[in-house]
Amino acid sequence: MPADFARMNRHLWQVYRLARSKGSVHPVVRDQLTTLNEALASNRGSARSLLSAAADLFQLAGEVAFDSNRYSEASASYALAASLSKDAEAYDLWACALVRHAYVDMSEQRHRQAVQMLGAAERLADRGDSNYSTRHWVAAVQAEAYAGLGDLDACERAMDRAEAVRGLSADGATGGWLRFDGARLTEERGSRYVQLGRLDLAESTLRDALKQTALASGQSYRRRGAVLTDLAAIGVKRRDGEQVVAYGREAIDLARSSRSGYVARRLRALCDEFGPLSRDHRVAELRAEIAALSTP
């Protein structure tokens, strides 16, 4: 029975990864959670294995909610995942639940709280399986939190720790609750440079990332939308309306086709930075298109 739940979870993560609209996975995740809760209540199978399977699935439920901008629901799912992982003594799974919770903090500009959460995740990862990429993912997200605080040195150190993932075997990521394999490091480094105002470094790095996401499949909708939004943000900082509109329009197209709340949220945050560019009629039209985006 626990093995069946684990296999189903892996399948659902794969479906989520490939889905253009992440919210489409919600009904089946909800149904599977109901089935898992019934198994836990009736003590069918190994308690630790069932707890781990439930923790895994609650992380996926949180991901679906986070992509739809339902932060309270996402936080609750991640908290349950962390509690279940603790009971199962599954340290890597527990650490990943805290990492995902830190994303909620950062999305609401609580970067200091995110740093604290990630510090706890780092300590848990040190107790986990050294063959897993957990500690490298923690470092990559720490870099984002430090960039949000404007700490370039700490950000660079964290990114360097994350880069060490390239030395792991192909089994370092589970493909489910832990998917960090270094494939996104280029775009993440570029995004950190945008946060820190290092625009030349950011632009060259993000252009490389854009090529990579063009070659990727399935999961690239959200990733590519984020890279395009970062490139538009560089245009905002340079007061280059043409760059803002070119990349912003492409990001809008992806947000529409994927119905990703994450990309829409990034675009709406971009609007807050337009400033004097809002007087450019092309940028004003872009703002109207972003405001009209329909999200879950």
Protein backbone atom coordinates (compact mmCIF):
# COMPACT_ATOMS: atom_id res chain seq x y z
CA MET A 1 0.00 0.00 0.00
CA PRO A 2 2.65 2.68 0.87
CA ALA A 3 4.57 1.75 -2.29
CA ASP A 4 1.41 2.36 -4.33
CA PHE A 5 1.01 5.82 -2.81
CA ALA A 6 4.66 6.63 -3.52
CA ARG A 7 4.26 5.59 -7.17
CA MET A 8 1.10 7.67 -7.51
CA ASN A 9 2.86 10.68 -6.01
CA ARG A 10 5.70 10.39 -8.50
CA HIS A 11 3.16 10.22 -11.31
CA LEU A 12 1.32 13.30 -10.04
CA TRP A 13 4.54 15.32 -9.80
CA GLN A 14 5.28 14.36 -13.40
CA VAL A 15 1.81 15.43 -14.50
CA TYR A 16 2.24 18.70 -12.60
CA ARG A 17 5.62 19.33 -14.19
CA LEU A 18 4.27 18.84 -17.71
CA ALA A 19 0.91 20.57 -17.24
CA ARG A 20 0.54 23.89 -19.00
CA SER A 21 -2.06 24.94 -16.42
CA LYS A 22 -0.83 23.85 -12.99
CA GLY A 23 -4.28 24.27 -11.48
CA SER A 24 -5.60 21.42 -13.62
CA VAL A 25 -3.84 18.99 -11.27
CA HIS A 26 -5.74 20.19 -8.19
CA PRO A 27 -8.79 17.85 -8.29
CA VAL A 28 -6.77 14.65 -8.53
CA VAL A 29 -4.32 15.81 -5.83
CA ARG A 30 -7.27 16.57 -3.53
CA ASP A 31 -8.79 13.13 -4.17
CA GLN A 32 -5.49 11.38 -3.54
CA LEU A 33 -5.03 13.27 -0.27
CA THR A 34 -8.45 12.02 0.85
CA THR A 35 -7.43 8.43 0.08
CA LEU A 36 -4.10 8.83 1.89
CA ASN A 37 -5.78 10.32 4.96
CA GLU A 38 -8.14 7.35 5.09
CA ALA A 39 -5.16 4.97 4.96
CA LEU A 40 -3.45 6.86 7.79
CA ALA A 41 -6.60 6.83 9.89
CA SER A 42 -7.06 3.07 9.47
CA ASN A 43 -3.33 2.33 10.01
CA ARG A 44 -3.04 0.44 6.73
CA GLY A 45 0.64 -0.18 5.99
CA SER A 46 3.86 1.18 7.47
CA ALA A 47 3.12 4.33 9.47
CA ARG A 48 6.44 5.98 8.55
CA SER A 49 6.03 5.25 4.84
CA LEU A 50 2.48 6.57 4.83
CA LEU A 51 3.54 9.70 6.69
CA SER A 52 6.26 10.32 4.12
CA ALA A 53 3.81 9.79 1.26
CA ALA A 54 1.38 12.26 2.84
CA ALA A 55 4.14 14.82 3.40
CA ASP A 56 5.17 14.45 -0.23
CA LEU A 57 1.62 14.97 -1.47
CA PHE A 58 0.96 17.97 0.78
CA GLN A 59 4.02 19.62 -0.77
CA LEU A 60 2.49 19.13 -4.21
CA ALA A 61 -0.84 20.50 -2.97
CA GLY A 62 1.06 23.53 -1.71
CA GLU A 63 2.77 24.00 -5.06
CA VAL A 64 -0.57 24.00 -6.87
CA ALA A 65 -1.98 26.56 -4.41
CA PHE A 66 1.15 28.73 -4.60
CA ASP A 67 1.01 28.88 -8.39
CA SER A 68 -2.59 30.11 -8.09
CA ASN A 69 -1.58 32.82 -5.58
CA ARG A 70 -3.48 31.12 -2.75
CA TYR A 71 -0.76 31.82 -0.19
CA SER A 72 -2.66 30.89 2.96
CA GLU A 73 -3.59 27.52 1.51
CA ALA A 74 -0.03 26.96 0.31
CA SER A 75 1.40 27.83 3.75
CA ALA A 76 -1.02 25.45 5.46
CA SER A 77 -0.08 22.63 3.09
CA TYR A 78 3.64 23.20 3.61
CA ALA A 79 3.19 23.32 7.39
CA LEU A 80 1.37 19.97 7.30
CA ALA A 81 4.08 18.55 5.06
CA ALA A 82 6.77 19.68 7.52
CA SER A 83 4.92 18.20 10.50
CA LEU A 84 4.38 14.85 8.77
CA SER A 85 8.01 14.75 7.61
CA LYS A 86 9.16 15.40 11.16
CA ASP A 87 7.04 12.51 12.44
CA ALA A 88 8.45 10.27 9.69
CA GLU A 89 12.03 11.45 10.48
CA ALA A 90 12.40 12.21 6.76
CA TYR A 91 14.91 15.04 6.96
CA ASP A 92 15.25 15.85 3.26
CA LEU A 93 11.50 15.86 2.81
CA TRP A 94 11.17 18.08 5.89
CA ALA A 95 13.82 20.49 4.62
CA CYS A 96 12.08 20.80 1.25
CA ALA A 97 8.78 21.65 2.94
CA LEU A 98 10.53 24.54 4.71
CA VAL A 99 12.13 25.70 1.46
CA ARG A 100 8.73 25.86 -0.19
CA HIS A 101 7.35 27.76 2.79
CA ALA A 102 10.19 30.27 2.41
CA TYR A 103 8.99 31.02 -1.12
CA VAL A 104 5.70 32.23 0.35
CA ASP A 105 7.61 34.55 2.69
CA MET A 106 9.66 35.96 -0.16
CA SER A 107 6.61 36.47 -2.36
CA GLU A 108 5.25 38.69 0.39
CA GLN A 109 8.59 40.50 0.82
CA ARG A 110 9.40 38.87 4.17
CA HIS A 111 13.00 38.14 3.28
CA ARG A 112 14.36 38.07 6.83
CA GLN A 113 11.77 35.49 7.83
CA ALA A 114 12.70 33.50 4.74
CA VAL A 115 16.38 33.55 5.74
CA GLN A 116 15.44 32.15 9.16
CA MET A 117 13.26 29.44 7.62
CA LEU A 118 16.02 28.50 5.20
CA GLY A 119 18.55 28.32 8.01
CA ALA A 120 16.38 25.66 9.62
CA ALA A 121 16.08 23.88 6.26
CA GLU A 122 19.87 23.94 5.90
CA ARG A 123 20.34 22.26 9.28
CA LEU A 124 17.82 19.57 8.37
CA ALA A 125 19.44 18.96 5.00
CA ASP A 126 22.75 18.36 6.78
CA ARG A 127 21.04 15.48 8.60
CA GLY A 128 19.61 14.07 5.38
CA ASP A 129 21.00 11.95 2.56
CA SER A 130 24.23 13.47 1.22
CA ASN A 131 23.48 11.96 -2.19
CA TYR A 132 20.40 14.19 -2.51
CA SER A 133 20.53 17.75 -3.84
CA THR A 134 18.53 19.11 -0.90
CA ARG A 135 21.31 21.27 0.54
CA HIS A 136 22.06 22.71 -2.90
CA TRP A 137 18.42 23.71 -3.41
CA VAL A 138 18.41 25.32 0.03
CA ALA A 139 21.47 27.33 -1.01
CA ALA A 140 19.87 28.46 -4.28
CA VAL A 141 16.82 29.76 -2.43
CA GLN A 142 19.00 31.35 0.24
CA ALA A 143 20.64 33.31 -2.59
CA GLU A 144 17.22 34.70 -3.53
CA ALA A 145 16.49 35.70 0.06
CA TYR A 146 19.87 37.41 0.43
CA ALA A 147 19.35 39.24 -2.88
CA GLY A 148 16.02 40.47 -1.51
CA LEU A 149 17.97 41.93 1.43
CA GLY A 150 20.51 43.52 -0.94
CA ASP A 151 23.39 41.38 0.37
CA LEU A 152 25.49 40.68 -2.74
CA ASP A 153 28.31 38.82 -0.95
CA ALA A 154 25.98 36.42 0.88
CA CYS A 155 24.01 35.92 -2.34
CA GLU A 156 27.13 35.02 -4.32
CA ARG A 157 28.34 32.61 -1.62
CA ALA A 158 24.97 30.87 -1.59
CA MET A 159 24.92 30.60 -5.40
CA ASP A 160 28.40 29.07 -5.32
CA ARG A 161 27.15 26.44 -2.84
CA ALA A 162 24.20 25.74 -5.11
CA GLU A 163 26.51 25.29 -8.13
CA ALA A 164 28.07 22.30 -6.37
CA VAL A 165 24.96 20.33 -7.36
CA ARG A 166 26.63 19.72 -10.70
CA GLY A 167 28.98 17.30 -8.94
CA LEU A 168 26.15 15.02 -7.82
CA SER A 169 25.01 11.92 -9.65
CA ALA A 170 21.82 11.94 -11.71
CA ASP A 171 20.00 10.41 -8.72
CA GLY A 172 20.49 13.54 -6.62
CA ALA A 173 16.95 14.71 -7.41
CA THR A 174 13.92 12.49 -6.84
CA GLY A 175 11.93 13.93 -9.74
CA GLY A 176 9.05 14.58 -7.34
CA TRP A 177 9.27 16.66 -4.17
CA LEU A 178 12.96 17.32 -4.87
CA ARG A 179 13.58 18.36 -8.48
CA PHE A 180 16.65 20.56 -8.10
CA ASP A 181 19.31 19.36 -10.54
CA GLY A 182 21.01 22.63 -11.47
CA ALA A 183 19.09 23.09 -14.72
CA ARG A 184 17.64 26.40 -13.48
CA LEU A 185 20.83 27.86 -12.03
CA THR A 186 21.51 30.16 -14.99
CA GLU A 187 18.10 31.83 -14.84
CA GLU A 188 18.21 32.00 -11.05
CA ARG A 189 21.61 33.69 -11.08
CA GLY A 190 20.33 36.17 -13.67
CA SER A 191 17.27 36.93 -11.58
CA ARG A 192 19.44 37.53 -8.51
CA TYR A 193 21.55 40.02 -10.50
CA VAL A 194 18.35 41.89 -11.44
CA GLN A 195 17.36 42.09 -7.77
CA LEU A 196 20.80 43.44 -6.91
CA GLY A 197 20.90 45.98 -9.79
CA ARG A 198 23.80 44.34 -11.64
CA LEU A 199 22.07 44.86 -14.97
CA ASP A 200 24.83 44.01 -17.47
CA LEU A 201 25.57 40.73 -15.69
CA ALA A 202 21.84 40.07 -15.40
CA GLU A 203 21.06 40.61 -19.07
CA SER A 204 23.80 38.38 -20.46
CA THR A 205 22.93 35.63 -17.98
CA LEU A 206 19.18 35.83 -18.66
CA ARG A 207 19.67 35.73 -22.42
CA ASP A 208 21.53 32.45 -21.95
CA ALA A 209 18.70 31.23 -19.73
CA LEU A 210 16.14 32.18 -22.37
CA LYS A 211 17.88 29.89 -24.85
CA GLN A 212 17.83 27.07 -22.30
CA THR A 213 14.12 27.43 -21.55
CA ALA A 214 13.36 27.46 -25.28
CA LEU A 215 14.92 24.00 -25.47
CA ALA A 216 13.21 22.72 -22.33
CA SER A 217 9.83 20.99 -22.39
CA GLY A 218 6.70 21.05 -20.23
CA GLN A 219 7.94 22.92 -17.20
CA SER A 220 9.38 25.74 -19.32
CA TYR A 221 6.10 27.74 -19.50
CA ARG A 222 6.47 29.15 -16.00
CA ARG A 223 10.26 29.25 -16.13
CA ARG A 224 10.36 31.06 -19.47
CA GLY A 225 7.70 33.52 -18.32
CA ALA A 226 9.82 34.38 -15.28
CA VAL A 227 12.94 34.93 -17.40
CA LEU A 228 11.04 37.17 -19.82
CA THR A 229 9.67 39.20 -16.92
CA ASP A 230 13.18 39.65 -15.53
CA LEU A 231 14.39 40.88 -18.93
CA ALA A 232 11.46 43.31 -19.03
CA ALA A 233 12.45 44.47 -15.52
CA ILE A 234 15.92 45.32 -16.83
CA GLY A 235 14.22 47.50 -19.45
CA VAL A 236 12.29 49.25 -16.68
CA LYS A 237 15.46 49.99 -14.74
CA ARG A 238 17.08 51.37 -17.91
CA ARG A 239 13.96 53.33 -18.84
CA ASP A 240 13.91 51.43 -22.14
CA GLY A 241 10.24 51.20 -23.08
CA GLU A 242 10.92 49.14 -26.19
CA GLN A 243 12.63 46.39 -24.17
CA VAL A 244 9.89 46.44 -21.55
CA VAL A 245 7.16 45.98 -24.14
CA ALA A 246 8.97 43.36 -26.23
CA TYR A 247 9.68 41.00 -23.33
CA GLY A 248 6.56 41.93 -21.37
CA ARG A 249 4.21 41.04 -24.24
CA GLU A 250 5.85 37.64 -24.69
CA ALA A 251 5.53 36.98 -20.95
CA ILE A 252 1.84 37.95 -21.09
CA ASP A 253 1.26 35.45 -23.90
CA LEU A 254 2.79 32.70 -21.77
CA ALA A 255 0.77 33.74 -18.71
CA ARG A 256 -2.42 33.53 -20.78
CA SER A 257 -1.64 30.14 -22.29
CA SER A 258 -0.51 28.59 -18.98
CA ARG A 259 -2.92 30.47 -16.66
CA SER A 260 0.02 30.67 -14.26
CA GLY A 261 -0.71 32.87 -11.29
CA TYR A 262 3.02 32.97 -10.59
CA VAL A 263 3.88 34.64 -13.92
CA ALA A 264 0.88 36.98 -13.64
CA ARG A 265 2.01 38.00 -10.16
CA ARG A 266 5.53 38.72 -11.43
CA LEU A 267 4.10 40.86 -14.23
CA ARG A 268 1.89 42.82 -11.84
CA ALA A 269 4.90 43.50 -9.63
CA LEU A 270 6.68 44.75 -12.77
CA CYS A 271 3.91 47.33 -13.29
CA ASP A 272 4.66 48.80 -9.87
CA GLU A 273 8.12 49.75 -11.15
CA PHE A 274 7.06 51.53 -14.37
CA GLY A 275 7.26 55.05 -12.93
CA PRO A 276 7.82 57.67 -15.68
CA LEU A 277 7.67 54.93 -18.32
CA SER A 278 3.90 54.82 -17.77
CA ARG A 279 3.67 57.96 -19.93
CA ASP A 280 4.83 55.88 -22.92
CA HIS A 281 1.62 54.79 -24.66
CA ARG A 282 3.11 51.35 -25.44
CA VAL A 283 3.91 50.75 -21.78
CA ALA A 284 0.48 52.03 -20.76
CA GLU A 285 -1.11 49.49 -23.13
CA LEU A 286 1.09 46.76 -21.64
CA ARG A 287 -0.07 47.70 -18.14
CA ALA A 288 -3.70 47.38 -19.27
CA GLU A 289 -3.02 43.92 -20.74
CA ILE A 290 -1.36 42.79 -17.52
CA ALA A 291 -4.27 44.10 -15.44
CA ALA A 292 -6.66 42.10 -17.63
CA LEU A 293 -4.87 38.81 -17.10
CA SER A 294 -7.20 36.10 -15.88
CA THR A 295 -5.65 33.82 -13.25
CA PRO A 296 -7.00 30.95 -11.15
